[in-house]
Amino acid sequence: MYPSTLTQLARANPFSAPLFRLQKVEEPAQTTVVPAQKRRLAAASVTEGDSCEFGSQKYFILCGFGGILSCGTTHTAVVPLDLVKCRMQVCISKYKTIFNGFSVTIKEDGIRGLAKGWAPTFIGYSMQGLCKFGFYEVFKILYGDMLGEENSYLWRTSLYLAASASAEFFADIALAPMEACKVRIQTQPGYANTLRECAPKMYAEEGLWAFYKGVVPLWMRQIPYTMMKFACFERTVEMLYKYVVPKPRSECSKPEQLVVTFVAGYIAGVFCAIVSHPADSVVSVLNKEKGSTATQVLKRLGPMGVWKGLFARIIMIGTLTALQWFIYDSVKVYFRLPRPPPPEMPESLKKKLGLTE
């Protein structure tokens, strides 16, 4: 079958994958329905005895389930630290340091006061984890197939950044209502003590907008955070296996691979906390106050105020990110999902660069 004019133009595109440019015109059309990179990984998953093919519906569903477990449980576990961090951001004069914040909170509300906001935290971040990890896998495969095997390797960092940013855009829409309730419960004493009290009260006072007025600052906080989280993690894993781990990944046991996952996750978490902290401070103040805008809050906080509570957030996010990646990877191991190794240069690209004979 000869290609149409449209197909000829597509193949002449300088951004098209070398793999497709090298294909013969006589090749049957059905062989290109599934991209070569995906076919290769899927075939590998079958030979390795995994429970499903890479990129299948079951794969995406279980990845989303892993995201629910990793984000929902970890964020709920650090609610006390998150509560103190939020209060430091919105009331600097009262909560001067992280230790002072814990002390004041316990004196005023008791030990149980440290758990305020756990319900919206669990629900909101479970939904966020479902979208974040599930859609990341979807977009990574989608964009990788668009680029082709060779360009996916050459531009892999950009691929991770684009896939994670796309996933987080939808994840924050799912998170925004519960995040607004959480911050209102944690930072406005006497407003509401539970999610069942808070959500109807917010809706009665401000309508549906009360739950989504912080979505733009949330995007400003979470999209850079997630881009750093995924791109830094993927490249750190790659470098750890290349320069630190004394043997190839294929020779490492599952527990050894999970240790590498945890270490890479913690390193990524530290950078995540730094790049997203200013926007996090704005979100905390914005959800506490009525009628304020992100610009007004940013001007009032000033260049120093937006960094208040950074140390607490580094501890929280570093530990959080490491545990999230550990749990997410453990879910993949438990359900025997395909776990492709760190990317290697395709043989076709090696030949073009003269690296092989």
Protein backbone atom coordinates (compact mmCIF):
# COMPACT_ATOMS: atom_id res chain seq x y z
CA MET A 1 0.00 0.00 0.00
CA TYR A 2 1.38 3.37 -1.04
CA PRO A 3 1.17 6.18 1.50
CA SER A 4 -1.13 9.11 0.95
CA THR A 5 0.12 12.67 0.42
CA LEU A 6 -0.64 13.43 4.06
CA THR A 7 1.47 10.47 5.17
CA GLN A 8 4.35 11.59 2.94
CA LEU A 9 4.27 15.04 4.49
CA ALA A 10 4.23 13.55 7.99
CA ARG A 11 7.27 11.41 7.23
CA ALA A 12 9.07 14.43 5.81
CA ASN A 13 8.55 16.26 9.11
CA PRO A 14 12.04 16.86 10.67
CA PHE A 15 10.59 16.08 14.12
CA SER A 16 9.27 12.66 13.17
CA ALA A 17 10.98 9.62 14.68
CA PRO A 18 13.91 8.10 12.74
CA LEU A 19 12.33 4.71 13.28
CA PHE A 20 9.31 5.64 11.17
CA ARG A 21 11.42 7.33 8.46
CA LEU A 22 13.37 4.10 7.99
CA GLN A 23 10.28 1.92 7.53
CA LYS A 24 9.56 0.59 4.05
CA VAL A 25 6.53 1.88 2.20
CA GLU A 26 5.45 -1.69 1.41
CA GLU A 27 5.18 -2.55 5.09
CA PRO A 28 1.57 -3.46 6.03
CA ALA A 29 -0.30 -0.69 7.82
CA GLN A 30 -1.37 -2.88 10.72
CA THR A 31 2.22 -3.31 11.91
CA THR A 32 2.35 0.39 12.84
CA VAL A 33 -0.86 0.47 14.88
CA VAL A 34 1.06 -0.22 18.10
CA PRO A 35 4.24 1.93 18.35
CA ALA A 36 7.54 0.07 18.20
CA GLN A 37 8.72 1.17 21.63
CA LYS A 38 5.46 0.04 23.26
CA ARG A 39 5.54 -3.32 21.38
CA ARG A 40 9.09 -3.91 22.56
CA LEU A 41 8.26 -3.22 26.20
CA ALA A 42 5.04 -5.21 26.05
CA ALA A 43 6.85 -8.20 24.60
CA ALA A 44 9.45 -7.92 27.33
CA SER A 45 6.72 -7.90 29.99
CA VAL A 46 5.31 -11.18 28.67
CA THR A 47 8.66 -12.93 28.71
CA GLU A 48 9.40 -11.66 32.22
CA GLY A 49 6.14 -13.13 33.53
CA ASP A 50 4.46 -9.87 34.51
CA SER A 51 0.71 -9.80 35.15
CA CYS A 52 -0.16 -7.50 32.22
CA GLU A 53 1.26 -5.70 29.23
CA PHE A 54 2.97 -2.36 29.57
CA GLY A 55 0.45 0.36 28.71
CA SER A 56 -2.62 -1.86 28.96
CA GLN A 57 -5.85 -0.81 30.68
CA LYS A 58 -5.07 -3.05 33.66
CA TYR A 59 -1.63 -1.45 33.92
CA PHE A 60 -3.06 2.08 34.10
CA ILE A 61 -5.78 1.09 36.61
CA LEU A 62 -3.27 -0.52 38.98
CA CYS A 63 -0.90 2.45 38.60
CA GLY A 64 -3.78 4.72 39.62
CA PHE A 65 -4.46 2.47 42.61
CA GLY A 66 -0.79 2.70 43.55
CA GLY A 67 -1.10 6.49 43.38
CA ILE A 68 -4.08 6.43 45.76
CA LEU A 69 -2.17 4.37 48.31
CA SER A 70 1.07 6.32 48.00
CA CYS A 71 -0.40 9.84 48.22
CA GLY A 72 -3.44 9.29 50.44
CA THR A 73 -1.67 7.38 53.21
CA THR A 74 1.54 9.43 53.30
CA HIS A 75 -0.12 12.84 53.36
CA THR A 76 -2.49 11.68 56.10
CA ALA A 77 0.45 10.36 58.14
CA VAL A 78 2.13 13.79 58.20
CA VAL A 79 -1.01 15.83 58.99
CA PRO A 80 0.45 17.09 62.34
CA LEU A 81 3.54 18.47 60.59
CA ASP A 82 1.43 19.91 57.77
CA LEU A 83 -0.87 21.60 60.30
CA VAL A 84 2.03 23.33 62.06
CA LYS A 85 3.55 24.32 58.71
CA CYS A 86 0.27 25.91 57.54
CA ARG A 87 -0.13 27.81 60.82
CA MET A 88 3.43 29.12 60.58
CA GLN A 89 2.63 30.43 57.10
CA VAL A 90 -0.57 32.26 58.07
CA CYS A 91 0.36 33.46 61.58
CA ILE A 92 4.10 34.10 61.72
CA SER A 93 3.96 36.06 64.99
CA LYS A 94 2.29 33.24 66.94
CA TYR A 95 3.99 30.17 65.47
CA LYS A 96 7.63 31.25 65.30
CA THR A 97 9.38 27.91 64.78
CA ILE A 98 8.35 24.34 64.05
CA PHE A 99 8.94 23.26 67.66
CA ASN A 100 7.13 26.31 69.02
CA GLY A 101 4.27 25.56 66.63
CA PHE A 102 3.84 22.05 68.01
CA SER A 103 4.02 23.34 71.59
CA VAL A 104 1.39 26.07 71.07
CA THR A 105 -0.93 23.71 69.18
CA ILE A 106 -0.80 21.04 71.90
CA LYS A 107 -1.40 23.63 74.66
CA GLU A 108 -4.46 25.06 72.88
CA ASP A 109 -6.02 21.96 71.28
CA GLY A 110 -4.40 18.98 72.98
CA ILE A 111 -2.83 16.02 71.18
CA ARG A 112 -6.01 15.44 69.19
CA GLY A 113 -5.67 18.94 67.77
CA LEU A 114 -2.67 17.81 65.73
CA ALA A 115 -4.96 15.57 63.67
CA LYS A 116 -7.23 18.38 62.48
CA GLY A 117 -7.90 18.15 58.77
CA TRP A 118 -7.06 14.47 58.36
CA ALA A 119 -10.28 13.60 56.50
CA PRO A 120 -10.02 16.16 53.67
CA THR A 121 -6.29 15.38 53.49
CA PHE A 122 -6.92 11.66 52.96
CA ILE A 123 -9.74 12.11 50.46
CA GLY A 124 -8.14 14.98 48.54
CA TYR A 125 -4.67 13.51 48.19
CA SER A 126 -6.03 10.06 47.35
CA MET A 127 -7.84 11.63 44.39
CA GLN A 128 -4.73 13.60 43.52
CA GLY A 129 -2.57 10.47 43.65
CA LEU A 130 -4.96 8.61 41.37
CA CYS A 131 -4.69 11.32 38.72
CA LYS A 132 -1.03 12.18 39.28
CA PHE A 133 0.50 8.71 38.95
CA GLY A 134 -2.17 7.23 36.68
CA PHE A 135 -2.15 10.08 34.16
CA TYR A 136 1.66 10.35 34.32
CA GLU A 137 1.96 6.82 33.00
CA VAL A 138 -0.62 7.61 30.30
CA PHE A 139 1.02 10.84 29.16
CA LYS A 140 4.54 9.39 29.31
CA ILE A 141 3.56 6.64 26.89
CA LEU A 142 1.47 8.99 24.74
CA TYR A 143 4.20 11.61 24.37
CA GLY A 144 6.87 8.93 23.99
CA ASP A 145 4.99 7.37 21.09
CA MET A 146 4.61 10.80 19.48
CA LEU A 147 8.37 11.42 19.70
CA GLY A 148 9.49 7.95 18.65
CA GLU A 149 12.08 5.70 20.25
CA GLU A 150 15.20 7.72 19.46
CA ASN A 151 13.82 11.15 20.32
CA SER A 152 12.21 9.76 23.47
CA TYR A 153 15.69 8.84 24.66
CA LEU A 154 17.38 12.07 23.57
CA TRP A 155 14.62 14.25 25.06
CA ARG A 156 13.70 12.03 27.99
CA THR A 157 13.98 14.79 30.64
CA SER A 158 11.62 16.99 28.62
CA LEU A 159 9.34 13.99 28.22
CA TYR A 160 9.19 13.47 32.01
CA LEU A 161 8.53 17.18 32.57
CA ALA A 162 5.74 17.37 29.99
CA ALA A 163 4.03 14.16 31.14
CA SER A 164 4.13 15.10 34.83
CA ALA A 165 2.90 18.66 34.20
CA SER A 166 -0.04 17.36 32.15
CA ALA A 167 -0.96 14.83 34.84
CA GLU A 168 -0.75 17.36 37.67
CA PHE A 169 -3.04 19.80 35.86
CA PHE A 170 -5.91 17.33 36.25
CA ALA A 171 -4.77 16.09 39.65
CA ASP A 172 -5.06 19.59 41.16
CA ILE A 173 -8.62 19.98 39.94
CA ALA A 174 -9.45 16.83 41.89
CA LEU A 175 -7.49 18.04 44.95
CA ALA A 176 -8.65 21.69 45.17
CA PRO A 177 -11.98 21.26 47.08
CA MET A 178 -10.49 19.10 49.84
CA GLU A 179 -7.37 21.27 50.07
CA ALA A 180 -9.56 24.33 50.67
CA CYS A 181 -11.44 22.53 53.46
CA LYS A 182 -8.22 21.25 55.02
CA VAL A 183 -6.58 24.66 55.22
CA ARG A 184 -9.76 26.29 56.56
CA ILE A 185 -10.01 23.68 59.35
CA GLN A 186 -6.32 23.88 60.25
CA THR A 187 -5.78 27.64 60.15
CA GLN A 188 -9.08 29.12 61.41
CA PRO A 189 -9.69 27.99 65.01
CA GLY A 190 -13.39 27.68 65.77
CA TYR A 191 -14.49 27.69 62.12
CA ALA A 192 -15.03 23.95 61.86
CA ASN A 193 -13.52 20.81 63.37
CA THR A 194 -14.58 18.21 60.79
CA LEU A 195 -15.07 17.96 57.04
CA ARG A 196 -18.82 17.47 57.53
CA GLU A 197 -19.00 20.85 59.28
CA CYS A 198 -16.60 22.70 57.03
CA ALA A 199 -17.75 21.86 53.49
CA PRO A 200 -21.46 22.87 53.91
CA LYS A 201 -20.46 26.03 55.78
CA MET A 202 -18.03 27.11 53.06
CA TYR A 203 -20.60 26.43 50.36
CA ALA A 204 -23.28 28.42 52.21
CA GLU A 205 -20.96 31.42 52.66
CA GLU A 206 -19.15 31.61 49.32
CA GLY A 207 -20.76 29.07 46.99
CA LEU A 208 -18.88 26.63 44.76
CA TRP A 209 -16.10 29.20 44.18
CA ALA A 210 -14.92 28.66 47.77
CA PHE A 211 -13.59 25.24 46.78
CA TYR A 212 -11.84 26.31 43.58
CA LYS A 213 -10.57 29.84 44.26
CA GLY A 214 -7.21 28.35 45.19
CA VAL A 215 -6.84 26.13 42.12
CA VAL A 216 -4.58 28.57 40.21
CA PRO A 217 -2.14 29.01 43.12
CA LEU A 218 -2.42 25.23 43.55
CA TRP A 219 -1.28 24.79 39.94
CA MET A 220 1.55 27.26 40.63
CA ARG A 221 2.61 25.17 43.62
CA GLN A 222 1.95 21.63 42.46
CA ILE A 223 2.91 21.66 38.78
CA PRO A 224 6.54 22.79 39.39
CA TYR A 225 6.60 20.42 42.38
CA THR A 226 5.41 17.45 40.33
CA MET A 227 7.65 18.24 37.38
CA MET A 228 10.63 18.22 39.74
CA LYS A 229 9.31 15.15 41.56
CA PHE A 230 9.07 12.97 38.47
CA ALA A 231 11.92 14.31 36.33
CA CYS A 232 14.40 14.46 39.20
CA PHE A 233 13.37 11.00 40.38
CA GLU A 234 13.66 9.40 36.94
CA ARG A 235 17.10 10.91 36.27
CA THR A 236 18.34 10.21 39.81
CA VAL A 237 17.40 6.54 39.48
CA GLU A 238 19.23 6.46 36.18
CA MET A 239 22.38 8.00 37.70
CA LEU A 240 22.27 5.82 40.83
CA TYR A 241 22.29 2.64 38.76
CA LYS A 242 24.98 4.05 36.49
CA TYR A 243 27.41 5.50 39.04
CA VAL A 244 26.52 4.25 42.55
CA VAL A 245 24.94 0.80 42.48
CA PRO A 246 27.79 -1.68 41.88
CA LYS A 247 25.76 -4.01 39.64
CA PRO A 248 23.18 -3.66 36.86
CA ARG A 249 19.52 -3.26 37.80
CA SER A 250 18.69 -6.63 36.25
CA GLU A 251 20.98 -8.29 38.81
CA CYS A 252 19.51 -6.42 41.79
CA SER A 253 16.87 -8.10 43.93
CA LYS A 254 13.45 -6.49 44.34
CA PRO A 255 14.30 -5.20 47.88
CA GLU A 256 17.54 -3.68 46.56
CA GLN A 257 15.65 -1.95 43.75
CA LEU A 258 13.15 -0.55 46.28
CA VAL A 259 16.02 0.89 48.36
CA VAL A 260 17.24 2.74 45.25
CA THR A 261 13.68 3.96 44.70
CA PHE A 262 13.50 5.33 48.27
CA VAL A 263 16.85 7.14 48.05
CA ALA A 264 16.02 8.69 44.67
CA GLY A 265 12.62 9.72 46.00
CA TYR A 266 14.11 11.53 48.98
CA ILE A 267 16.59 13.43 46.82
CA ALA A 268 13.78 14.46 44.49
CA GLY A 269 11.62 15.49 47.47
CA VAL A 270 14.15 18.02 48.77
CA PHE A 271 14.21 19.84 45.43
CA CYS A 272 10.41 19.60 45.20
CA ALA A 273 9.97 21.37 48.52
CA ILE A 274 12.24 24.26 47.55
CA VAL A 275 10.74 25.02 44.11
CA SER A 276 7.12 24.86 45.29
CA HIS A 277 7.30 26.51 48.73
CA PRO A 278 6.49 30.15 47.79
CA ALA A 279 3.27 29.10 46.05
CA ASP A 280 2.45 26.82 48.99
CA SER A 281 2.61 29.81 51.34
CA VAL A 282 0.22 31.78 49.10
CA VAL A 283 -2.24 28.84 48.97
CA SER A 284 -2.27 28.53 52.77
CA VAL A 285 -3.06 32.22 53.31
CA LEU A 286 -5.53 32.40 50.40
CA ASN A 287 -7.65 29.50 51.66
CA LYS A 288 -7.71 31.00 55.16
CA GLU A 289 -8.97 34.46 54.13
CA LYS A 290 -12.17 35.50 52.40
CA GLY A 291 -12.06 37.79 49.38
CA SER A 292 -8.27 37.82 48.95
CA THR A 293 -6.49 37.20 45.66
CA ALA A 294 -3.18 35.46 45.05
CA THR A 295 -1.55 38.74 43.98
CA GLN A 296 -2.68 40.54 47.14
CA VAL A 297 -1.42 37.73 49.37
CA LEU A 298 1.93 37.61 47.56
CA LYS A 299 2.46 41.37 47.99
CA ARG A 300 1.56 41.21 51.67
CA LEU A 301 3.87 38.28 52.44
CA GLY A 302 6.85 39.82 50.65
CA PRO A 303 10.01 38.05 49.43
CA MET A 304 10.93 36.77 52.90
CA GLY A 305 7.46 35.81 54.11
CA VAL A 306 6.88 33.29 51.31
CA TRP A 307 9.82 31.22 52.62
CA LYS A 308 8.51 30.93 56.18
CA GLY A 309 8.14 27.28 57.19
CA LEU A 310 10.57 26.00 54.51
CA PHE A 311 12.56 23.79 56.91
CA ALA A 312 9.40 22.02 58.09
CA ARG A 313 8.30 21.55 54.50
CA ILE A 314 11.67 20.11 53.42
CA ILE A 315 11.44 17.50 56.18
CA MET A 316 7.81 16.77 55.34
CA ILE A 317 8.11 16.70 51.53
CA GLY A 318 11.46 14.86 51.48
CA THR A 319 10.10 12.05 53.62
CA LEU A 320 6.74 12.17 51.87
CA THR A 321 8.17 11.91 48.36
CA ALA A 322 10.52 9.08 49.30
CA LEU A 323 7.67 7.10 50.89
CA GLN A 324 5.36 7.80 47.96
CA TRP A 325 7.80 6.43 45.41
CA PHE A 326 8.58 3.47 47.69
CA ILE A 327 4.88 2.60 48.11
CA TYR A 328 4.12 3.18 44.43
CA ASP A 329 6.99 0.95 43.30
CA SER A 330 6.03 -1.66 45.92
CA VAL A 331 2.51 -1.79 44.46
CA LYS A 332 4.03 -2.42 41.04
CA VAL A 333 6.16 -5.22 42.48
CA TYR A 334 3.23 -6.76 44.38
CA PHE A 335 0.92 -6.81 41.34
CA ARG A 336 3.80 -7.85 39.06
CA LEU A 337 3.39 -4.83 36.80
CA PRO A 338 5.97 -4.15 34.09
CA ARG A 339 8.81 -2.02 35.49
CA PRO A 340 11.04 -1.05 32.54
CA PRO A 341 14.69 -0.45 33.47
CA PRO A 342 16.29 3.01 33.17
CA PRO A 343 16.34 4.02 29.49
CA GLU A 344 19.28 3.03 27.34
CA MET A 345 20.34 4.45 24.00
CA PRO A 346 18.55 2.61 21.15
CA GLU A 347 20.74 0.51 18.89
CA SER A 348 19.64 2.51 15.85
CA LEU A 349 20.86 5.72 17.49
CA LYS A 350 24.16 4.10 18.48
CA LYS A 351 24.72 3.18 14.84
CA LYS A 352 23.95 6.72 13.69
CA LEU A 353 26.40 8.14 16.21
CA GLY A 354 29.05 5.57 15.27
CA LEU A 355 29.10 3.98 18.72
CA THR A 356 28.70 0.46 17.34
CA GLU A 357 30.01 -1.30 14.29
